[in-house]
C-alpha atoms as a PDB file:
ATOM      1  CA  THR A   1     -29.285  60.623  53.833  1.00  0.00           C
ATOM      2  CA  MET A   2     -26.083  59.459  54.887  1.00  0.00           C
ATOM      3  CA  LEU A   3     -24.035  56.629  54.120  1.00  0.00           C
ATOM      4  CA  THR A   4     -22.894  54.249  56.989  1.00  0.00           C
ATOM      5  CA  ARG A   5     -19.307  53.753  57.381  1.00  0.00           C
ATOM      6  CA  GLU A   6     -19.505  49.902  55.893  1.00  0.00           C
ATOM      7  CA  GLU A   7     -21.346  51.346  53.026  1.00  0.00           C
ATOM      8  CA  ASN A   8     -18.916  53.583  52.892  1.00  0.00           C
ATOM      9  CA  ASN A   9     -16.012  51.398  52.297  1.00  0.00           C
ATOM     10  CA  GLN A  10     -18.300  49.580  49.918  1.00  0.00           C
ATOM     11  CA  LEU A  11     -18.541  52.689  47.254  1.00  0.00           C
ATOM     12  CA  ARG A  12     -15.101  53.293  47.880  1.00  0.00           C
ATOM     13  CA  TYR A  13     -13.751  49.683  47.171  1.00  0.00           C
ATOM     14  CA  THR A  14     -16.265  49.649  43.890  1.00  0.00           C
ATOM     15  CA  ILE A  15     -14.828  52.914  42.365  1.00  0.00           C
ATOM     16  CA  ALA A  16     -11.054  51.754  42.562  1.00  0.00           C
ATOM     17  CA  LEU A  17     -11.772  48.068  41.567  1.00  0.00           C
ATOM     18  CA  VAL A  18     -13.615  50.008  38.565  1.00  0.00           C
ATOM     19  CA  ALA A  19     -10.595  51.926  37.824  1.00  0.00           C
ATOM     20  CA  GLU A  20      -8.135  48.954  37.837  1.00  0.00           C
ATOM     21  CA  PHE A  21     -10.779  47.470  35.484  1.00  0.00           C
ATOM     22  CA  ALA A  22     -10.190  50.276  33.476  1.00  0.00           C
ATOM     23  CA  GLN A  23      -6.903  50.327  33.552  1.00  0.00           C
ATOM     24  CA  LYS A  24      -6.271  46.594  33.081  1.00  0.00           C
ATOM     25  CA  PHE A  25      -8.632  47.043  29.632  1.00  0.00           C
ATOM     26  CA  ASN A  26      -7.678  50.223  28.710  1.00  0.00           C
ATOM     27  CA  LEU A  27     -10.881  51.667  29.067  1.00  0.00           C
ATOM     28  CA  GLN A  28     -11.976  55.114  30.580  1.00  0.00           C
ATOM     29  CA  ASP A  29     -13.733  54.713  33.721  1.00  0.00           C
ATOM     30  CA  ARG A  30     -17.073  55.437  32.480  1.00  0.00           C
ATOM     31  CA  GLN A  31     -16.760  52.764  30.156  1.00  0.00           C
ATOM     32  CA  ALA A  32     -15.224  50.011  32.328  1.00  0.00           C
ATOM     33  CA  PHE A  33     -18.101  50.731  34.909  1.00  0.00           C
ATOM     34  CA  ASN A  34     -21.489  50.832  32.547  1.00  0.00           C
ATOM     35  CA  TYR A  35     -19.519  47.660  30.995  1.00  0.00           C
ATOM     36  CA  ILE A  36     -19.411  46.361  34.331  1.00  0.00           C
ATOM     37  CA  LYS A  37     -22.606  46.884  35.099  1.00  0.00           C
ATOM     38  CA  ARG A  38     -24.177  45.575  32.231  1.00  0.00           C
ATOM     39  CA  PHE A  39     -22.943  42.424  32.778  1.00  0.00           C
ATOM     40  CA  LYS A  40     -23.583  42.124  35.410  1.00  0.00           C
ATOM     41  CA  GLY A  41     -20.413  42.198  37.538  1.00  0.00           C
ATOM     42  CA  LEU A  42     -22.103  45.221  39.926  1.00  0.00           C
ATOM     43  CA  GLU A  43     -24.283  43.243  40.738  1.00  0.00           C
ATOM     44  CA  TYR A  44     -21.399  40.185  41.523  1.00  0.00           C
ATOM     45  CA  LEU A  45     -19.722  43.136  43.560  1.00  0.00           C
ATOM     46  CA  ASN A  46     -22.145  44.086  45.730  1.00  0.00           C
ATOM     47  CA  ASN A  47     -23.374  40.440  46.542  1.00  0.00           C
ATOM     48  CA  PHE A  48     -20.189  39.165  47.254  1.00  0.00           C
ATOM     49  CA  TYR A  49     -18.403  42.668  49.121  1.00  0.00           C
ATOM     50  CA  ASP A  50     -17.745  40.823  51.971  1.00  0.00           C
ATOM     51  CA  ILE A  51     -15.319  38.262  50.504  1.00  0.00           C
ATOM     52  CA  LEU A  52     -14.450  39.914  47.485  1.00  0.00           C
ATOM     53  CA  HIS A  53     -12.561  43.236  49.052  1.00  0.00           C
ATOM     54  CA  THR A  54     -10.351  40.626  51.265  1.00  0.00           C
ATOM     55  CA  LEU A  55      -8.527  39.271  48.015  1.00  0.00           C
ATOM     56  CA  TYR A  56      -6.119  41.530  45.878  1.00  0.00           C
ATOM     57  CA  PHE A  57      -7.441  43.667  43.074  1.00  0.00           C
ATOM     58  CA  GLU A  58      -6.322  41.133  40.648  1.00  0.00           C
ATOM     59  CA  GLU A  59      -7.864  38.459  41.743  1.00  0.00           C
ATOM     60  CA  VAL A  60     -11.284  40.038  41.269  1.00  0.00           C
ATOM     61  CA  ILE A  61     -10.718  41.534  38.358  1.00  0.00           C
ATOM     62  CA  GLU A  62     -10.157  38.158  37.057  1.00  0.00           C
ATOM     63  CA  ALA A  63     -12.896  36.640  38.216  1.00  0.00           C
ATOM     64  CA  LEU A  64     -15.138  39.960  37.429  1.00  0.00           C
ATOM     65  CA  THR A  65     -14.157  39.293  33.975  1.00  0.00           C
ATOM     66  CA  ILE A  66     -15.366  35.956  34.102  1.00  0.00           C
ATOM     67  CA  ILE A  67     -18.600  36.838  35.882  1.00  0.00           C
ATOM     68  CA  CYS A  68     -19.154  39.760  32.789  1.00  0.00           C
ATOM     69  CA  LYS A  69     -18.691  36.955  29.996  1.00  0.00           C
ATOM     70  CA  ARG A  70     -20.729  34.610  31.454  1.00  0.00           C
ATOM     71  CA  ASN A  71     -23.532  37.133  31.215  1.00  0.00           C
ATOM     72  CA  GLY A  72     -22.586  38.559  27.293  1.00  0.00           C
ATOM     73  CA  GLY A  73     -19.490  40.388  27.960  1.00  0.00           C
ATOM     74  CA  GLN A  74     -16.298  40.279  25.305  1.00  0.00           C
ATOM     75  CA  LEU A  75     -13.293  40.883  27.336  1.00  0.00           C
ATOM     76  CA  THR A  76     -11.007  38.236  28.286  1.00  0.00           C
ATOM     77  CA  TYR A  77      -8.666  38.418  30.956  1.00  0.00           C
ATOM     78  CA  LYS A  78      -4.529  37.753  30.301  1.00  0.00           C
END
């Protein structure tokens, strides 16, 4: 099935954000994705995409780091 334009935008946004997160924490993209998924960051991104995509990546990465930490993640935003 084809993605809607909105779903495609959300997917592209998530991929770009994961890549930025990986860079921020010196991880491989796959490691970053697995970390974000494991500690409920993906859920957060999906649930609040409509708001998050209007913010700067830095702000979203900081929020994502906090969400993941609350759910057992170890990374700290600096």
